Amino acid sequence: MAERNSKSIGFTERLRLNAEQGFSALFLVMGGLYMAILLLQAREILEGIFSGDMGSGKLLLMGIVIGALSWLQWRYRHVVYPMHRKLKAID
């Protein structure tokens, strides 16, 4: 019976790692697109905030939070996704 090298990972582990990497990239792209839309609508949102519309303020706050969370899950993906955590422990 051959010993498995601790650095090598099997097919299913690699598939799971790639899926987690794909999800983290997808969430990063979605957050980036949301921030781009927020920037394109910045004038209308700011006009709404200065006119007293509470919905515009909530929209701005929600957009900033979505962008921050998408960046944070990308930055700390080794904490969020188990396969990244496992590979970080091996290294």
PDB file of N, CA and C in Angstrom:
ATOM      1  N   MET A   1       0.846  -1.177   0.000  1.00  0.00           N
ATOM      2  CA  MET A   1       0.000   0.000   0.000  1.00  0.00           C
ATOM      3  C   MET A   1       0.892   1.242   0.000  1.00  0.00           C
ATOM      4  N   ALA A   2       0.694   2.074  -0.964  1.00  0.00           N
ATOM      5  CA  ALA A   2       1.550   3.253  -1.116  1.00  0.00           C
ATOM      6  C   ALA A   2       1.151   4.345  -0.138  1.00  0.00           C
ATOM      7  N   GLU A   3       2.149   4.966   0.428  1.00  0.00           N
ATOM      8  CA  GLU A   3       1.907   6.107   1.331  1.00  0.00           C
ATOM      9  C   GLU A   3       1.519   7.312   0.491  1.00  0.00           C
ATOM     10  N   ARG A   4       0.532   8.042   0.995  1.00  0.00           N
ATOM     11  CA  ARG A   4       0.145   9.274   0.301  1.00  0.00           C
ATOM     12  C   ARG A   4       0.959  10.433   0.811  1.00  0.00           C
ATOM     13  N   ASN A   5       1.488  11.196  -0.100  1.00  0.00           N
ATOM     14  CA  ASN A   5       2.218  12.403   0.268  1.00  0.00           C
ATOM     15  C   ASN A   5       1.232  13.409   0.855  1.00  0.00           C
ATOM     16  N   SER A   6       1.625  14.082   1.931  1.00  0.00           N
ATOM     17  CA  SER A   6       0.710  15.029   2.576  1.00  0.00           C
ATOM     18  C   SER A   6       0.421  16.235   1.692  1.00  0.00           C
ATOM     19  N   LYS A   7       1.288  16.509   0.718  1.00  0.00           N
ATOM     20  CA  LYS A   7       1.058  17.652  -0.176  1.00  0.00           C
ATOM     21  C   LYS A   7       0.094  17.302  -1.314  1.00  0.00           C
ATOM     22  N   SER A   8      -0.045  16.010  -1.640  1.00  0.00           N
ATOM     23  CA  SER A   8      -0.916  15.634  -2.746  1.00  0.00           C
ATOM     24  C   SER A   8      -2.363  15.536  -2.250  1.00  0.00           C
ATOM     25  N   ILE A   9      -3.272  15.906  -3.143  1.00  0.00           N
ATOM     26  CA  ILE A   9      -4.685  15.794  -2.803  1.00  0.00           C
ATOM     27  C   ILE A   9      -5.365  14.988  -3.891  1.00  0.00           C
ATOM     28  N   GLY A  10      -6.431  14.314  -3.526  1.00  0.00           N
ATOM     29  CA  GLY A  10      -7.138  13.452  -4.463  1.00  0.00           C
ATOM     30  C   GLY A  10      -8.031  14.221  -5.412  1.00  0.00           C
ATOM     31  N   PHE A  11      -8.663  13.452  -6.305  1.00  0.00           N
ATOM     32  CA  PHE A  11      -9.518  14.052  -7.328  1.00  0.00           C
ATOM     33  C   PHE A  11     -10.710  14.781  -6.715  1.00  0.00           C
ATOM     34  N   THR A  12     -11.395  14.140  -5.771  1.00  0.00           N
ATOM     35  CA  THR A  12     -12.581  14.778  -5.193  1.00  0.00           C
ATOM     36  C   THR A  12     -12.203  16.013  -4.374  1.00  0.00           C
ATOM     37  N   GLU A  13     -11.050  15.947  -3.688  1.00  0.00           N
ATOM     38  CA  GLU A  13     -10.603  17.116  -2.933  1.00  0.00           C
ATOM     39  C   GLU A  13     -10.255  18.264  -3.878  1.00  0.00           C
ATOM     40  N   ARG A  14      -9.606  17.938  -5.011  1.00  0.00           N
ATOM     41  CA  ARG A  14      -9.276  18.973  -5.988  1.00  0.00           C
ATOM     42  C   ARG A  14     -10.545  19.551  -6.610  1.00  0.00           C
ATOM     43  N   LEU A  15     -11.530  18.683  -6.883  1.00  0.00           N
ATOM     44  CA  LEU A  15     -12.802  19.154  -7.424  1.00  0.00           C
ATOM     45  C   LEU A  15     -13.498  20.083  -6.436  1.00  0.00           C
ATOM     46  N   ARG A  16     -13.508  19.696  -5.175  1.00  0.00           N
ATOM     47  CA  ARG A  16     -14.122  20.536  -4.137  1.00  0.00           C
ATOM     48  C   ARG A  16     -13.373  21.855  -3.985  1.00  0.00           C
ATOM     49  N   LEU A  17     -12.053  21.801  -4.039  1.00  0.00           N
ATOM     50  CA  LEU A  17     -11.246  23.019  -3.951  1.00  0.00           C
ATOM     51  C   LEU A  17     -11.547  23.964  -5.109  1.00  0.00           C
ATOM     52  N   ASN A  18     -11.633  23.407  -6.321  1.00  0.00           N
ATOM     53  CA  ASN A  18     -11.949  24.237  -7.483  1.00  0.00           C
ATOM     54  C   ASN A  18     -13.348  24.821  -7.397  1.00  0.00           C
ATOM     55  N   ALA A  19     -14.302  24.042  -6.870  1.00  0.00           N
ATOM     56  CA  ALA A  19     -15.663  24.563  -6.705  1.00  0.00           C
ATOM     57  C   ALA A  19     -15.678  25.710  -5.696  1.00  0.00           C
ATOM     58  N   GLU A  20     -14.970  25.549  -4.583  1.00  0.00           N
ATOM     59  CA  GLU A  20     -14.914  26.621  -3.586  1.00  0.00           C
ATOM     60  C   GLU A  20     -14.204  27.852  -4.147  1.00  0.00           C
ATOM     61  N   GLN A  21     -13.153  27.632  -4.912  1.00  0.00           N
ATOM     62  CA  GLN A  21     -12.451  28.750  -5.553  1.00  0.00           C
ATOM     63  C   GLN A  21     -13.384  29.459  -6.531  1.00  0.00           C
ATOM     64  N   GLY A  22     -14.163  28.679  -7.277  1.00  0.00           N
ATOM     65  CA  GLY A  22     -15.110  29.263  -8.222  1.00  0.00           C
ATOM     66  C   GLY A  22     -16.195  30.075  -7.534  1.00  0.00           C
ATOM     67  N   PHE A  23     -16.730  29.542  -6.427  1.00  0.00           N
ATOM     68  CA  PHE A  23     -17.751  30.287  -5.691  1.00  0.00           C
ATOM     69  C   PHE A  23     -17.189  31.578  -5.111  1.00  0.00           C
ATOM     70  N   SER A  24     -15.982  31.531  -4.581  1.00  0.00           N
ATOM     71  CA  SER A  24     -15.410  32.745  -4.002  1.00  0.00           C
ATOM     72  C   SER A  24     -15.149  33.782  -5.091  1.00  0.00           C
ATOM     73  N   ALA A  25     -14.703  33.332  -6.263  1.00  0.00           N
ATOM     74  CA  ALA A  25     -14.498  34.272  -7.377  1.00  0.00           C
ATOM     75  C   ALA A  25     -15.830  34.832  -7.869  1.00  0.00           C
ATOM     76  N   LEU A  26     -16.860  33.976  -7.926  1.00  0.00           N
ATOM     77  CA  LEU A  26     -18.180  34.426  -8.351  1.00  0.00           C
ATOM     78  C   LEU A  26     -18.728  35.497  -7.417  1.00  0.00           C
ATOM     79  N   PHE A  27     -18.603  35.265  -6.104  1.00  0.00           N
ATOM     80  CA  PHE A  27     -19.081  36.253  -5.145  1.00  0.00           C
ATOM     81  C   PHE A  27     -18.286  37.559  -5.245  1.00  0.00           C
ATOM     82  N   LEU A  28     -16.979  37.464  -5.522  1.00  0.00           N
ATOM     83  CA  LEU A  28     -16.173  38.666  -5.691  1.00  0.00           C
ATOM     84  C   LEU A  28     -16.631  39.460  -6.918  1.00  0.00           C
ATOM     85  N   VAL A  29     -16.895  38.765  -8.016  1.00  0.00           N
ATOM     86  CA  VAL A  29     -17.356  39.431  -9.236  1.00  0.00           C
ATOM     87  C   VAL A  29     -18.734  40.047  -9.017  1.00  0.00           C
ATOM     88  N   MET A  30     -19.625  39.331  -8.335  1.00  0.00           N
ATOM     89  CA  MET A  30     -20.956  39.877  -8.066  1.00  0.00           C
ATOM     90  C   MET A  30     -20.867  41.138  -7.216  1.00  0.00           C
ATOM     91  N   GLY A  31     -20.012  41.132  -6.199  1.00  0.00           N
ATOM     92  CA  GLY A  31     -19.829  42.320  -5.376  1.00  0.00           C
ATOM     93  C   GLY A  31     -19.240  43.472  -6.168  1.00  0.00           C
ATOM     94  N   GLY A  32     -18.298  43.159  -7.042  1.00  0.00           N
ATOM     95  CA  GLY A  32     -17.702  44.202  -7.887  1.00  0.00           C
ATOM     96  C   GLY A  32     -18.710  44.813  -8.843  1.00  0.00           C
ATOM     97  N   LEU A  33     -19.550  43.960  -9.434  1.00  0.00           N
ATOM     98  CA  LEU A  33     -20.594  44.472 -10.322  1.00  0.00           C
ATOM     99  C   LEU A  33     -21.600  45.331  -9.564  1.00  0.00           C
ATOM    100  N   TYR A  34     -21.930  44.907  -8.348  1.00  0.00           N
ATOM    101  CA  TYR A  34     -22.864  45.692  -7.547  1.00  0.00           C
ATOM    102  C   TYR A  34     -22.262  47.056  -7.214  1.00  0.00           C
ATOM    103  N   MET A  35     -20.969  47.077  -6.896  1.00  0.00           N
ATOM    104  CA  MET A  35     -20.315  48.359  -6.612  1.00  0.00           C
ATOM    105  C   MET A  35     -20.250  49.239  -7.860  1.00  0.00           C
ATOM    106  N   ALA A  36     -20.029  48.628  -9.034  1.00  0.00           N
ATOM    107  CA  ALA A  36     -20.009  49.399 -10.277  1.00  0.00           C
ATOM    108  C   ALA A  36     -21.381  50.013 -10.552  1.00  0.00           C
ATOM    109  N   ILE A  37     -22.437  49.237 -10.332  1.00  0.00           N
ATOM    110  CA  ILE A  37     -23.790  49.766 -10.519  1.00  0.00           C
ATOM    111  C   ILE A  37     -24.058  50.889  -9.520  1.00  0.00           C
ATOM    112  N   LEU A  38     -23.579  50.694  -8.302  1.00  0.00           N
ATOM    113  CA  LEU A  38     -23.755  51.723  -7.275  1.00  0.00           C
ATOM    114  C   LEU A  38     -23.037  53.009  -7.669  1.00  0.00           C
ATOM    115  N   LEU A  39     -21.848  52.894  -8.237  1.00  0.00           N
ATOM    116  CA  LEU A  39     -21.124  54.084  -8.686  1.00  0.00           C
ATOM    117  C   LEU A  39     -21.824  54.766  -9.857  1.00  0.00           C
ATOM    118  N   LEU A  40     -22.396  53.965 -10.754  1.00  0.00           N
ATOM    119  CA  LEU A  40     -23.109  54.557 -11.887  1.00  0.00           C
ATOM    120  C   LEU A  40     -24.382  55.283 -11.436  1.00  0.00           C
ATOM    121  N   GLN A  41     -24.971  54.846 -10.354  1.00  0.00           N
ATOM    122  CA  GLN A  41     -26.186  55.460  -9.838  1.00  0.00           C
ATOM    123  C   GLN A  41     -25.918  56.438  -8.696  1.00  0.00           C
ATOM    124  N   ALA A  42     -24.653  56.781  -8.471  1.00  0.00           N
ATOM    125  CA  ALA A  42     -24.278  57.605  -7.312  1.00  0.00           C
ATOM    126  C   ALA A  42     -24.991  58.960  -7.308  1.00  0.00           C
ATOM    127  N   ARG A  43     -25.121  59.577  -8.456  1.00  0.00           N
ATOM    128  CA  ARG A  43     -25.749  60.904  -8.500  1.00  0.00           C
ATOM    129  C   ARG A  43     -27.194  60.852  -8.016  1.00  0.00           C
ATOM    130  N   GLU A  44     -27.955  59.880  -8.532  1.00  0.00           N
ATOM    131  CA  GLU A  44     -29.359  59.756  -8.136  1.00  0.00           C
ATOM    132  C   GLU A  44     -29.485  59.382  -6.660  1.00  0.00           C
ATOM    133  N   ILE A  45     -28.594  58.521  -6.196  1.00  0.00           N
ATOM    134  CA  ILE A  45     -28.638  58.113  -4.790  1.00  0.00           C
ATOM    135  C   ILE A  45     -28.335  59.302  -3.880  1.00  0.00           C
ATOM    136  N   LEU A  46     -27.313  60.066  -4.233  1.00  0.00           N
ATOM    137  CA  LEU A  46     -26.967  61.233  -3.406  1.00  0.00           C
ATOM    138  C   LEU A  46     -28.062  62.296  -3.437  1.00  0.00           C
ATOM    139  N   GLU A  47     -28.672  62.490  -4.595  1.00  0.00           N
ATOM    140  CA  GLU A  47     -29.797  63.434  -4.667  1.00  0.00           C
ATOM    141  C   GLU A  47     -30.941  62.966  -3.765  1.00  0.00           C
ATOM    142  N   GLY A  48     -31.198  61.672  -3.767  1.00  0.00           N
ATOM    143  CA  GLY A  48     -32.243  61.122  -2.910  1.00  0.00           C
ATOM    144  C   GLY A  48     -31.920  61.292  -1.434  1.00  0.00           C
ATOM    145  N   ILE A  49     -30.652  61.089  -1.073  1.00  0.00           N
ATOM    146  CA  ILE A  49     -30.253  61.246   0.329  1.00  0.00           C
ATOM    147  C   ILE A  49     -30.409  62.696   0.768  1.00  0.00           C
ATOM    148  N   PHE A  50     -29.969  63.637  -0.068  1.00  0.00           N
ATOM    149  CA  PHE A  50     -30.056  65.050   0.298  1.00  0.00           C
ATOM    150  C   PHE A  50     -31.483  65.579   0.279  1.00  0.00           C
ATOM    151  N   SER A  51     -32.378  64.896  -0.444  1.00  0.00           N
ATOM    152  CA  SER A  51     -33.779  65.319  -0.439  1.00  0.00           C
ATOM    153  C   SER A  51     -34.555  64.687   0.714  1.00  0.00           C
ATOM    154  N   GLY A  52     -33.904  63.800   1.475  1.00  0.00           N
ATOM    155  CA  GLY A  52     -34.549  63.219   2.643  1.00  0.00           C
ATOM    156  C   GLY A  52     -35.123  61.832   2.430  1.00  0.00           C
ATOM    157  N   ASP A  53     -34.816  61.196   1.305  1.00  0.00           N
ATOM    158  CA  ASP A  53     -35.332  59.856   1.025  1.00  0.00           C
ATOM    159  C   ASP A  53     -34.514  58.824   1.798  1.00  0.00           C
ATOM    160  N   MET A  54     -35.149  58.129   2.739  1.00  0.00           N
ATOM    161  CA  MET A  54     -34.453  57.140   3.556  1.00  0.00           C
ATOM    162  C   MET A  54     -34.082  55.891   2.748  1.00  0.00           C
ATOM    163  N   GLY A  55     -34.848  55.601   1.702  1.00  0.00           N
ATOM    164  CA  GLY A  55     -34.553  54.441   0.863  1.00  0.00           C
ATOM    165  C   GLY A  55     -33.211  54.563   0.166  1.00  0.00           C
ATOM    166  N   SER A  56     -32.865  55.776  -0.230  1.00  0.00           N
ATOM    167  CA  SER A  56     -31.568  55.983  -0.885  1.00  0.00           C
ATOM    168  C   SER A  56     -30.418  55.758   0.090  1.00  0.00           C
ATOM    169  N   GLY A  57     -30.593  56.188   1.322  1.00  0.00           N
ATOM    170  CA  GLY A  57     -29.557  55.962   2.333  1.00  0.00           C
ATOM    171  C   GLY A  57     -29.364  54.484   2.628  1.00  0.00           C
ATOM    172  N   LYS A  58     -30.476  53.767   2.712  1.00  0.00           N
ATOM    173  CA  LYS A  58     -30.390  52.317   2.930  1.00  0.00           C
ATOM    174  C   LYS A  58     -29.723  51.622   1.745  1.00  0.00           C
ATOM    175  N   LEU A  59     -30.044  52.074   0.537  1.00  0.00           N
ATOM    176  CA  LEU A  59     -29.443  51.501  -0.660  1.00  0.00           C
ATOM    177  C   LEU A  59     -27.932  51.728  -0.682  1.00  0.00           C
ATOM    178  N   LEU A  60     -27.512  52.943  -0.328  1.00  0.00           N
ATOM    179  CA  LEU A  60     -26.080  53.244  -0.292  1.00  0.00           C
ATOM    180  C   LEU A  60     -25.373  52.394   0.760  1.00  0.00           C
ATOM    181  N   LEU A  61     -25.939  52.299   1.931  1.00  0.00           N
ATOM    182  CA  LEU A  61     -25.341  51.499   2.995  1.00  0.00           C
ATOM    183  C   LEU A  61     -25.286  50.022   2.612  1.00  0.00           C
ATOM    184  N   MET A  62     -26.359  49.511   2.034  1.00  0.00           N
ATOM    185  CA  MET A  62     -26.388  48.120   1.621  1.00  0.00           C
ATOM    186  C   MET A  62     -25.346  47.849   0.528  1.00  0.00           C
ATOM    187  N   GLY A  63     -25.189  48.774  -0.390  1.00  0.00           N
ATOM    188  CA  GLY A  63     -24.196  48.604  -1.449  1.00  0.00           C
ATOM    189  C   GLY A  63     -22.780  48.565  -0.917  1.00  0.00           C
ATOM    190  N   ILE A  64     -22.492  49.438   0.027  1.00  0.00           N
ATOM    191  CA  ILE A  64     -21.152  49.452   0.616  1.00  0.00           C
ATOM    192  C   ILE A  64     -20.897  48.156   1.390  1.00  0.00           C
ATOM    193  N   VAL A  65     -21.898  47.689   2.115  1.00  0.00           N
ATOM    194  CA  VAL A  65     -21.747  46.447   2.884  1.00  0.00           C
ATOM    195  C   VAL A  65     -21.575  45.252   1.953  1.00  0.00           C
ATOM    196  N   ILE A  66     -22.333  45.189   0.873  1.00  0.00           N
ATOM    197  CA  ILE A  66     -22.193  44.080  -0.080  1.00  0.00           C
ATOM    198  C   ILE A  66     -20.804  44.076  -0.696  1.00  0.00           C
ATOM    199  N   GLY A  67     -20.309  45.230  -1.085  1.00  0.00           N
ATOM    200  CA  GLY A  67     -18.967  45.307  -1.645  1.00  0.00           C
ATOM    201  C   GLY A  67     -17.905  44.899  -0.642  1.00  0.00           C
ATOM    202  N   ALA A  68     -18.048  45.339   0.602  1.00  0.00           N
ATOM    203  CA  ALA A  68     -17.071  44.992   1.635  1.00  0.00           C
ATOM    204  C   ALA A  68     -17.104  43.501   1.951  1.00  0.00           C
ATOM    205  N   LEU A  69     -18.301  42.922   2.056  1.00  0.00           N
ATOM    206  CA  LEU A  69     -18.399  41.490   2.353  1.00  0.00           C
ATOM    207  C   LEU A  69     -17.853  40.630   1.226  1.00  0.00           C
ATOM    208  N   SER A  70     -18.087  41.029  -0.016  1.00  0.00           N
ATOM    209  CA  SER A  70     -17.560  40.232  -1.129  1.00  0.00           C
ATOM    210  C   SER A  70     -16.038  40.295  -1.158  1.00  0.00           C
ATOM    211  N   TRP A  71     -15.468  41.452  -0.840  1.00  0.00           N
ATOM    212  CA  TRP A  71     -14.008  41.547  -0.778  1.00  0.00           C
ATOM    213  C   TRP A  71     -13.456  40.760   0.408  1.00  0.00           C
ATOM    214  N   LEU A  72     -14.121  40.843   1.553  1.00  0.00           N
ATOM    215  CA  LEU A  72     -13.635  40.131   2.740  1.00  0.00           C
ATOM    216  C   LEU A  72     -13.679  38.618   2.559  1.00  0.00           C
ATOM    217  N   GLN A  73     -14.745  38.086   1.932  1.00  0.00           N
ATOM    218  CA  GLN A  73     -14.793  36.643   1.738  1.00  0.00           C
ATOM    219  C   GLN A  73     -13.724  36.202   0.747  1.00  0.00           C
ATOM    220  N   TRP A  74     -13.325  37.076  -0.190  1.00  0.00           N
ATOM    221  CA  TRP A  74     -12.236  36.730  -1.100  1.00  0.00           C
ATOM    222  C   TRP A  74     -10.895  36.791  -0.368  1.00  0.00           C
ATOM    223  N   ARG A  75     -10.724  37.830   0.422  1.00  0.00           N
ATOM    224  CA  ARG A  75      -9.456  38.031   1.121  1.00  0.00           C
ATOM    225  C   ARG A  75      -9.202  36.937   2.147  1.00  0.00           C
ATOM    226  N   TYR A  76     -10.225  36.509   2.847  1.00  0.00           N
ATOM    227  CA  TYR A  76     -10.086  35.497   3.889  1.00  0.00           C
ATOM    228  C   TYR A  76     -10.794  34.202   3.505  1.00  0.00           C
ATOM    229  N   ARG A  77     -10.677  33.802   2.230  1.00  0.00           N
ATOM    230  CA  ARG A  77     -11.363  32.600   1.761  1.00  0.00           C
ATOM    231  C   ARG A  77     -10.823  31.338   2.410  1.00  0.00           C
ATOM    232  N   HIS A  78      -9.595  31.362   2.901  1.00  0.00           N
ATOM    233  CA  HIS A  78      -9.068  30.181   3.591  1.00  0.00           C
ATOM    234  C   HIS A  78      -9.766  29.966   4.929  1.00  0.00           C
ATOM    235  N   VAL A  79     -10.416  30.986   5.465  1.00  0.00           N
ATOM    236  CA  VAL A  79     -11.186  30.844   6.702  1.00  0.00           C
ATOM    237  C   VAL A  79     -12.610  30.401   6.389  1.00  0.00           C
ATOM    238  N   VAL A  80     -13.175  30.922   5.302  1.00  0.00           N
ATOM    239  CA  VAL A  80     -14.575  30.667   4.966  1.00  0.00           C
ATOM    240  C   VAL A  80     -14.773  29.261   4.392  1.00  0.00           C
ATOM    241  N   TYR A  81     -13.875  28.849   3.505  1.00  0.00           N
ATOM    242  CA  TYR A  81     -14.039  27.578   2.807  1.00  0.00           C
ATOM    243  C   TYR A  81     -13.105  26.522   3.407  1.00  0.00           C
ATOM    244  N   PRO A  82     -13.640  25.344   3.762  1.00  0.00           N
ATOM    245  CA  PRO A  82     -12.844  24.334   4.469  1.00  0.00           C
ATOM    246  C   PRO A  82     -11.645  23.790   3.695  1.00  0.00           C
ATOM    247  N   MET A  83     -11.752  23.606   2.386  1.00  0.00           N
ATOM    248  CA  MET A  83     -10.617  23.054   1.636  1.00  0.00           C
ATOM    249  C   MET A  83      -9.444  24.025   1.631  1.00  0.00           C
ATOM    250  N   HIS A  84      -9.720  25.311   1.554  1.00  0.00           N
ATOM    251  CA  HIS A  84      -8.633  26.299   1.602  1.00  0.00           C
ATOM    252  C   HIS A  84      -7.959  26.265   2.965  1.00  0.00           C
ATOM    253  N   ARG A  85      -8.743  26.078   4.011  1.00  0.00           N
ATOM    254  CA  ARG A  85      -8.194  25.999   5.361  1.00  0.00           C
ATOM    255  C   ARG A  85      -7.301  24.773   5.489  1.00  0.00           C
ATOM    256  N   LYS A  86      -7.753  23.659   4.932  1.00  0.00           N
ATOM    257  CA  LYS A  86      -6.996  22.413   5.012  1.00  0.00           C
ATOM    258  C   LYS A  86      -5.672  22.549   4.255  1.00  0.00           C
ATOM    259  N   LEU A  87      -5.700  23.145   3.075  1.00  0.00           N
ATOM    260  CA  LEU A  87      -4.470  23.306   2.302  1.00  0.00           C
ATOM    261  C   LEU A  87      -3.533  24.319   2.942  1.00  0.00           C
ATOM    262  N   LYS A  88      -4.075  25.327   3.583  1.00  0.00           N
ATOM    263  CA  LYS A  88      -3.227  26.302   4.262  1.00  0.00           C
ATOM    264  C   LYS A  88      -2.520  25.646   5.449  1.00  0.00           C
ATOM    265  N   ALA A  89      -3.184  24.701   6.113  1.00  0.00           N
ATOM    266  CA  ALA A  89      -2.561  23.996   7.241  1.00  0.00           C
ATOM    267  C   ALA A  89      -1.453  23.063   6.762  1.00  0.00           C
ATOM    268  N   ILE A  90      -1.597  22.508   5.541  1.00  0.00           N
ATOM    269  CA  ILE A  90      -0.571  21.615   5.013  1.00  0.00           C
ATOM    270  C   ILE A  90       0.685  22.391   4.662  1.00  0.00           C
ATOM    271  N   ASP A  91       0.511  23.597   4.106  1.00  0.00           N
ATOM    272  CA  ASP A  91       1.673  24.402   3.681  1.00  0.00           C
ATOM    273  C   ASP A  91       2.510  24.877   4.816  1.00  0.00           C
TER     274      ASP A  91
END
